[in-house]
Amino acid sequence: TLSGTPTTVGNYTFGIRVTDSSTGTGTWFQVVDVSMTVSAPPTITVDPATLPGATVGAAYSQTVTGGGGTAPYTFAVTAGALPAGLVLASTTGVISGTPTAGGSFNFTITATDADAFSGSRSYAFTVAAATVALAPATLPAATVG
């Protein structure tokens, strides 16, 4: 078993000596040359670059995706917090729910690929106050008495 965590990108050639357990005459070992390439880790991306805003009391659904690595990806909020009423599905990247408070929110979502490489994106997110509409816009004329 050849194991460990490479720390330097490059091409490497080295010999592995294999020795058998015999004690008789003859060759008891062999050296095998091995070549190995250590590649740079992938750059994991999180998209989209911006998220559309939401409105208090209105259902919201938006998907963030991961790219640049090996699927499947998992997702997590790693800084800040989503607005109250919204949740992030860790396996699908769907942000959904119904916001319960308005305001500006800053948070970071991290995507981690199947090989444990990760990348993040920060979001500035706005939840607008609900719009109240009164009808009718005009009232009919009234008569005294």
Protein backbone atom coordinates (compact mmCIF):
# COMPACT_ATOMS: atom_id res chain seq x y z
CA THR A 1 0.00 0.00 0.00
CA LEU A 2 1.28 3.42 -0.96
CA SER A 3 -0.55 6.00 1.10
CA GLY A 4 -0.36 9.58 2.30
CA THR A 5 -1.38 13.06 1.26
CA PRO A 6 0.69 14.65 -1.51
CA THR A 7 1.70 18.25 -0.81
CA THR A 8 3.54 19.19 -4.01
CA VAL A 9 2.23 19.07 -7.58
CA GLY A 10 4.50 17.31 -10.06
CA ASN A 11 5.59 14.12 -11.84
CA TYR A 12 7.48 11.57 -9.78
CA THR A 13 9.33 8.36 -10.62
CA PHE A 14 10.62 6.04 -7.91
CA GLY A 15 11.48 2.42 -7.35
CA ILE A 16 9.60 -0.01 -5.16
CA ARG A 17 11.58 -2.99 -3.91
CA VAL A 18 9.59 -6.21 -3.56
CA THR A 19 11.23 -9.01 -1.54
CA ASP A 20 9.85 -12.53 -1.25
CA SER A 21 10.10 -14.77 1.79
CA SER A 22 12.22 -17.52 0.26
CA THR A 23 15.58 -18.40 1.75
CA GLY A 24 16.99 -20.50 -1.09
CA THR A 25 19.50 -19.49 -3.73
CA GLY A 26 18.58 -16.98 -6.41
CA THR A 27 16.93 -13.57 -6.56
CA TRP A 28 14.85 -12.72 -3.52
CA PHE A 29 13.85 -9.26 -4.57
CA GLN A 30 12.87 -7.17 -7.55
CA VAL A 31 12.80 -3.40 -7.99
CA VAL A 32 9.86 -2.01 -9.95
CA ASP A 33 9.98 1.55 -11.29
CA VAL A 34 6.74 3.45 -10.73
CA SER A 35 5.67 6.81 -12.20
CA MET A 36 3.05 8.98 -10.55
CA THR A 37 1.56 12.39 -11.27
CA VAL A 38 0.29 14.59 -8.46
CA SER A 39 -2.25 17.04 -9.88
CA ALA A 40 -3.43 20.34 -8.45
CA PRO A 41 -6.71 20.13 -6.55
CA PRO A 42 -9.78 21.26 -8.48
CA THR A 43 -11.23 24.73 -8.04
CA ILE A 44 -14.74 24.19 -6.67
CA THR A 45 -17.24 26.84 -7.74
CA VAL A 46 -20.60 27.84 -6.30
CA ASP A 47 -23.18 29.38 -8.64
CA PRO A 48 -25.10 31.59 -9.31
CA ALA A 49 -23.01 34.67 -8.56
CA THR A 50 -26.01 36.45 -7.01
CA LEU A 51 -29.35 35.31 -5.60
CA PRO A 52 -32.65 36.98 -6.42
CA GLY A 53 -34.21 38.74 -3.45
CA ALA A 54 -37.21 37.49 -1.51
CA THR A 55 -40.34 39.03 0.02
CA VAL A 56 -41.61 38.56 3.56
CA GLY A 57 -44.47 36.05 3.58
CA ALA A 58 -43.91 34.86 -0.02
CA ALA A 59 -42.63 31.38 -0.88
CA TYR A 60 -39.02 31.36 -2.11
CA SER A 61 -36.98 28.74 -3.95
CA GLN A 62 -33.56 29.07 -5.55
CA THR A 63 -30.92 26.44 -6.30
CA VAL A 64 -27.17 26.88 -5.84
CA THR A 65 -24.89 24.46 -7.68
CA GLY A 66 -21.35 23.22 -7.32
CA GLY A 67 -18.88 22.72 -10.16
CA GLY A 68 -15.25 22.08 -10.98
CA GLY A 69 -14.87 18.91 -8.94
CA THR A 70 -16.39 15.46 -8.67
CA ALA A 71 -20.16 15.15 -8.13
CA PRO A 72 -22.11 14.77 -5.97
CA TYR A 73 -21.74 17.98 -3.99
CA THR A 74 -22.99 18.83 -0.52
CA PHE A 75 -23.86 22.36 0.56
CA ALA A 76 -23.70 24.24 3.85
CA VAL A 77 -23.98 27.80 5.15
CA THR A 78 -20.50 28.33 6.61
CA ALA A 79 -20.67 32.01 7.60
CA GLY A 80 -23.57 34.26 8.54
CA ALA A 81 -27.09 32.86 8.43
CA LEU A 82 -30.02 32.54 6.05
CA PRO A 83 -33.02 34.76 6.83
CA ALA A 84 -35.53 33.29 9.27
CA GLY A 85 -37.91 30.98 7.43
CA LEU A 86 -35.40 29.86 4.76
CA VAL A 87 -33.37 26.63 4.80
CA LEU A 88 -30.62 25.18 2.60
CA ALA A 89 -30.98 21.52 1.55
CA SER A 90 -27.50 20.06 1.98
CA THR A 91 -27.81 17.46 -0.79
CA THR A 92 -29.59 19.48 -3.48
CA GLY A 93 -28.46 23.07 -2.89
CA VAL A 94 -32.06 24.32 -2.84
CA ILE A 95 -32.73 27.36 -0.66
CA SER A 96 -36.43 27.34 0.11
CA GLY A 97 -39.10 28.44 2.52
CA THR A 98 -41.03 31.59 3.36
CA PRO A 99 -39.06 34.47 4.88
CA THR A 100 -40.57 35.82 8.09
CA ALA A 101 -38.52 39.02 8.47
CA GLY A 102 -37.27 41.68 6.10
CA GLY A 103 -33.80 43.14 5.87
CA SER A 104 -30.34 42.60 4.43
CA PHE A 105 -28.55 39.34 5.13
CA ASN A 106 -24.97 38.26 4.41
CA PHE A 107 -24.00 34.60 4.34
CA THR A 108 -21.53 32.23 2.70
CA ILE A 109 -22.43 28.91 1.07
CA THR A 110 -19.74 26.23 0.72
CA ALA A 111 -19.95 23.35 -1.76
CA THR A 112 -17.93 20.20 -1.02
CA ASP A 113 -17.36 17.61 -3.74
CA ALA A 114 -17.18 13.81 -3.47
CA ASP A 115 -13.38 14.01 -2.95
CA ALA A 116 -13.72 16.46 -0.02
CA PHE A 117 -12.52 19.52 -1.99
CA SER A 118 -14.55 22.65 -1.31
CA GLY A 119 -15.22 26.15 -2.55
CA SER A 120 -17.38 29.00 -1.27
CA ARG A 121 -19.30 32.05 -2.38
CA SER A 122 -20.52 34.96 -0.26
CA TYR A 123 -23.96 36.41 -0.84
CA ALA A 124 -25.61 39.71 0.06
CA PHE A 125 -29.33 38.92 0.17
CA THR A 126 -32.35 41.19 0.62
CA VAL A 127 -35.78 40.28 1.93
CA ALA A 128 -38.27 43.04 1.08
CA ALA A 129 -41.26 43.90 3.22
CA ALA A 130 -44.57 42.54 2.02
CA THR A 131 -46.66 44.94 -0.06
CA VAL A 132 -50.08 45.75 1.38
CA ALA A 133 -52.75 46.71 -1.14
CA LEU A 134 -56.12 48.18 -0.16
CA ALA A 135 -59.08 47.97 -2.47
CA PRO A 136 -60.89 49.75 -3.85
CA ALA A 137 -58.49 52.52 -4.71
CA THR A 138 -61.33 55.10 -4.64
CA LEU A 139 -64.60 55.19 -2.70
CA PRO A 140 -67.94 56.22 -4.13
CA ALA A 141 -69.34 59.62 -3.12
CA ALA A 142 -71.41 59.65 0.07
CA THR A 143 -74.67 61.51 0.84
CA VAL A 144 -75.23 63.31 4.14
CA GLY A 145 -77.85 61.71 6.32
